C-alpha atoms as a PDB file:
ATOM      1  CA  MET A   1      -9.262  -4.181   3.487  1.00  0.00           C
ATOM      2  CA  ARG A   2     -12.886  -3.317   3.043  1.00  0.00           C
ATOM      3  CA  ARG A   3     -13.686  -1.309  -0.073  1.00  0.00           C
ATOM      4  CA  ALA A   4     -14.921   1.548   2.120  1.00  0.00           C
ATOM      5  CA  ASN A   5     -11.392   1.844   3.571  1.00  0.00           C
ATOM      6  CA  ARG A   6      -9.681   2.361   0.226  1.00  0.00           C
ATOM      7  CA  LEU A   7      -8.450   5.512  -1.400  1.00  0.00           C
ATOM      8  CA  ARG A   8     -10.500   6.086  -4.529  1.00  0.00           C
ATOM      9  CA  SER A   9     -10.173   9.508  -6.081  1.00  0.00           C
ATOM     10  CA  SER A  10      -7.223  11.089  -7.758  1.00  0.00           C
ATOM     11  CA  GLU A  11      -7.349  13.948  -5.219  1.00  0.00           C
ATOM     12  CA  GLU A  12      -6.919  11.500  -2.316  1.00  0.00           C
ATOM     13  CA  PHE A  13      -3.925   9.855  -3.978  1.00  0.00           C
ATOM     14  CA  GLN A  14      -2.391  13.244  -4.805  1.00  0.00           C
ATOM     15  CA  ALA A  15      -2.777  14.384  -1.169  1.00  0.00           C
ATOM     16  CA  VAL A  16      -0.832  11.330  -0.002  1.00  0.00           C
ATOM     17  CA  TYR A  17       1.856  11.825  -2.681  1.00  0.00           C
ATOM     18  CA  ARG A  18       2.334  15.484  -1.679  1.00  0.00           C
ATOM     19  CA  ALA A  19       2.452  15.059   2.095  1.00  0.00           C
ATOM     20  CA  GLY A  20       3.589  11.491   2.556  1.00  0.00           C
ATOM     21  CA  THR A  21       6.848   9.848   3.471  1.00  0.00           C
ATOM     22  CA  ARG A  22       8.195   7.043   1.291  1.00  0.00           C
ATOM     23  CA  ALA A  23       9.576   3.631   2.069  1.00  0.00           C
ATOM     24  CA  ARG A  24      10.827   1.132  -0.516  1.00  0.00           C
ATOM     25  CA  THR A  25      11.564  -2.585  -0.592  1.00  0.00           C
ATOM     26  CA  PRO A  26      12.170  -4.719  -3.707  1.00  0.00           C
ATOM     27  CA  GLY A  27       8.531  -5.791  -3.850  1.00  0.00           C
ATOM     28  CA  VAL A  28       6.601  -2.660  -2.826  1.00  0.00           C
ATOM     29  CA  VAL A  29       6.826   1.099  -2.415  1.00  0.00           C
ATOM     30  CA  ALA A  30       4.696   2.715   0.299  1.00  0.00           C
ATOM     31  CA  ILE A  31       3.821   6.374   0.616  1.00  0.00           C
ATOM     32  CA  GLY A  32       2.044   7.217   3.837  1.00  0.00           C
ATOM     33  CA  THR A  33       0.705  10.125   5.842  1.00  0.00           C
ATOM     34  CA  ARG A  34      -1.717  10.686   8.679  1.00  0.00           C
ATOM     35  CA  ASP A  35      -4.968  12.587   8.358  1.00  0.00           C
ATOM     36  CA  ASP A  36      -7.533  13.373  11.083  1.00  0.00           C
ATOM     37  CA  ASP A  37      -8.926  10.650  13.305  1.00  0.00           C
ATOM     38  CA  GLU A  38     -10.703   9.022  10.414  1.00  0.00           C
ATOM     39  CA  ALA A  39     -10.587   5.335   9.615  1.00  0.00           C
ATOM     40  CA  PRO A  40      -7.305   4.191   8.019  1.00  0.00           C
ATOM     41  CA  ARG A  41      -7.376   4.129   4.246  1.00  0.00           C
ATOM     42  CA  VAL A  42      -5.183   2.325   1.708  1.00  0.00           C
ATOM     43  CA  GLY A  43      -4.836   2.760  -2.067  1.00  0.00           C
ATOM     44  CA  PHE A  44      -3.090   0.522  -4.566  1.00  0.00           C
ATOM     45  CA  THR A  45      -1.335   1.520  -7.787  1.00  0.00           C
ATOM     46  CA  CYS A  46       0.579  -0.283 -10.459  1.00  0.00           C
ATOM     47  CA  SER A  47       2.257   1.328 -13.461  1.00  0.00           C
ATOM     48  CA  ARG A  48       2.631  -0.135 -16.938  1.00  0.00           C
ATOM     49  CA  ARG A  49       6.319  -0.756 -16.416  1.00  0.00           C
ATOM     50  CA  VAL A  50       5.323  -3.661 -14.108  1.00  0.00           C
ATOM     51  CA  GLY A  51       4.087  -5.616 -17.116  1.00  0.00           C
ATOM     52  CA  SER A  52       1.019  -6.580 -19.053  1.00  0.00           C
ATOM     53  CA  ALA A  53      -2.522  -6.023 -17.769  1.00  0.00           C
ATOM     54  CA  VAL A  54      -2.621  -9.576 -16.416  1.00  0.00           C
ATOM     55  CA  THR A  55       0.627  -9.047 -14.482  1.00  0.00           C
ATOM     56  CA  ARG A  56      -0.515  -5.660 -13.145  1.00  0.00           C
ATOM     57  CA  ASN A  57      -3.814  -7.104 -11.931  1.00  0.00           C
ATOM     58  CA  ARG A  58      -1.998  -9.995 -10.274  1.00  0.00           C
ATOM     59  CA  ALA A  59       0.357  -7.569  -8.545  1.00  0.00           C
ATOM     60  CA  LYS A  60      -2.533  -5.459  -7.196  1.00  0.00           C
ATOM     61  CA  ARG A  61      -4.400  -8.567  -5.979  1.00  0.00           C
ATOM     62  CA  ARG A  62      -1.270  -9.732  -4.176  1.00  0.00           C
ATOM     63  CA  LEU A  63      -0.801  -6.320  -2.557  1.00  0.00           C
ATOM     64  CA  ARG A  64      -4.412  -6.285  -1.353  1.00  0.00           C
ATOM     65  CA  ALA A  65      -3.949  -9.781   0.124  1.00  0.00           C
ATOM     66  CA  ALA A  66      -0.564  -8.864   1.657  1.00  0.00           C
ATOM     67  CA  VAL A  67      -2.036  -5.875   3.559  1.00  0.00           C
ATOM     68  CA  GLU A  68      -4.799  -7.955   5.195  1.00  0.00           C
ATOM     69  CA  PRO A  69      -2.654  -9.196   8.125  1.00  0.00           C
ATOM     70  CA  PHE A  70      -2.011  -5.552   9.049  1.00  0.00           C
ATOM     71  CA  ALA A  71      -5.545  -4.188   8.525  1.00  0.00           C
ATOM     72  CA  GLN A  72      -6.446  -4.235  12.230  1.00  0.00           C
ATOM     73  CA  ARG A  73      -3.149  -2.610  13.245  1.00  0.00           C
ATOM     74  CA  LEU A  74      -3.363   0.405  10.911  1.00  0.00           C
ATOM     75  CA  ALA A  75      -3.252   3.672  12.851  1.00  0.00           C
ATOM     76  CA  PRO A  76      -6.398   5.856  12.899  1.00  0.00           C
ATOM     77  CA  GLY A  77      -6.187   8.457  10.162  1.00  0.00           C
ATOM     78  CA  ALA A  78      -3.411   6.620   8.291  1.00  0.00           C
ATOM     79  CA  MET A  79      -3.528   7.133   4.526  1.00  0.00           C
ATOM     80  CA  VAL A  80      -1.203   4.870   2.562  1.00  0.00           C
ATOM     81  CA  VAL A  81      -0.604   4.246  -1.114  1.00  0.00           C
ATOM     82  CA  LEU A  82       1.075   0.943  -1.964  1.00  0.00           C
ATOM     83  CA  GLN A  83       2.771   0.868  -5.349  1.00  0.00           C
ATOM     84  CA  ALA A  84       3.635  -2.380  -7.068  1.00  0.00           C
ATOM     85  CA  THR A  85       7.114  -2.889  -8.468  1.00  0.00           C
ATOM     86  CA  PRO A  86       8.123  -5.298 -11.236  1.00  0.00           C
ATOM     87  CA  ARG A  87       8.919  -7.932  -8.548  1.00  0.00           C
ATOM     88  CA  THR A  88       5.534  -7.741  -6.812  1.00  0.00           C
ATOM     89  CA  ALA A  89       3.837 -10.319  -9.036  1.00  0.00           C
ATOM     90  CA  SER A  90       6.623 -12.894  -8.790  1.00  0.00           C
ATOM     91  CA  GLU A  91       7.934 -12.392  -5.213  1.00  0.00           C
ATOM     92  CA  ASP A  92       7.407 -15.174  -2.671  1.00  0.00           C
ATOM     93  CA  PHE A  93       4.134 -14.256  -0.948  1.00  0.00           C
ATOM     94  CA  GLN A  94       5.406 -14.505   2.634  1.00  0.00           C
ATOM     95  CA  LYS A  95       8.350 -12.342   1.676  1.00  0.00           C
ATOM     96  CA  LEU A  96       5.941  -9.823   0.126  1.00  0.00           C
ATOM     97  CA  VAL A  97       3.865  -9.750   3.328  1.00  0.00           C
ATOM     98  CA  ASP A  98       7.027  -9.043   5.326  1.00  0.00           C
ATOM     99  CA  GLN A  99       8.005  -6.258   2.945  1.00  0.00           C
ATOM    100  CA  VAL A 100       4.563  -4.663   3.206  1.00  0.00           C
ATOM    101  CA  GLY A 101       4.866  -4.771   6.995  1.00  0.00           C
ATOM    102  CA  GLN A 102       8.285  -3.156   6.841  1.00  0.00           C
ATOM    103  CA  THR A 103       7.155  -0.344   4.587  1.00  0.00           C
ATOM    104  CA  LEU A 104       3.987   0.305   6.653  1.00  0.00           C
ATOM    105  CA  THR A 105       6.155   0.564   9.766  1.00  0.00           C
ATOM    106  CA  LYS A 106       8.616   2.932   8.085  1.00  0.00           C
ATOM    107  CA  VAL A 107       5.896   5.343   6.938  1.00  0.00           C
ATOM    108  CA  GLY A 108       4.301   5.305  10.407  1.00  0.00           C
ATOM    109  CA  ALA A 109       1.015   3.681   9.377  1.00  0.00           C
ATOM    110  CA  LEU A 110       0.993   0.942  12.041  1.00  0.00           C
ATOM    111  CA  ASP A 111       0.020   1.352  15.682  1.00  0.00           C
ATOM    112  CA  GLY A 112       2.520  -0.057  18.135  1.00  0.00           C
END
């Protein structure tokens, strides 16, 4: 995902949390909603319960990489927050990509 297509401000994250639907897998939690016909936007979060700063950064990097195969298929106006879980940093990467795809589908962020 390009940096321009990321959620940045606290207000954007809060808007998704308030209006979004949730989907959960062992490696990722997705909260998604649709806005106007803007470009799709994705945000990434990771709480301290995931682990140390090194583990949290690894988890966020893995989430950013796992969403790349779906970047072109995101629906116009989709706003999604992907939250790391304690298993995100250690999960098999292909399994993590599959889980991200499942959660994006469940929250209605993918076209087709």
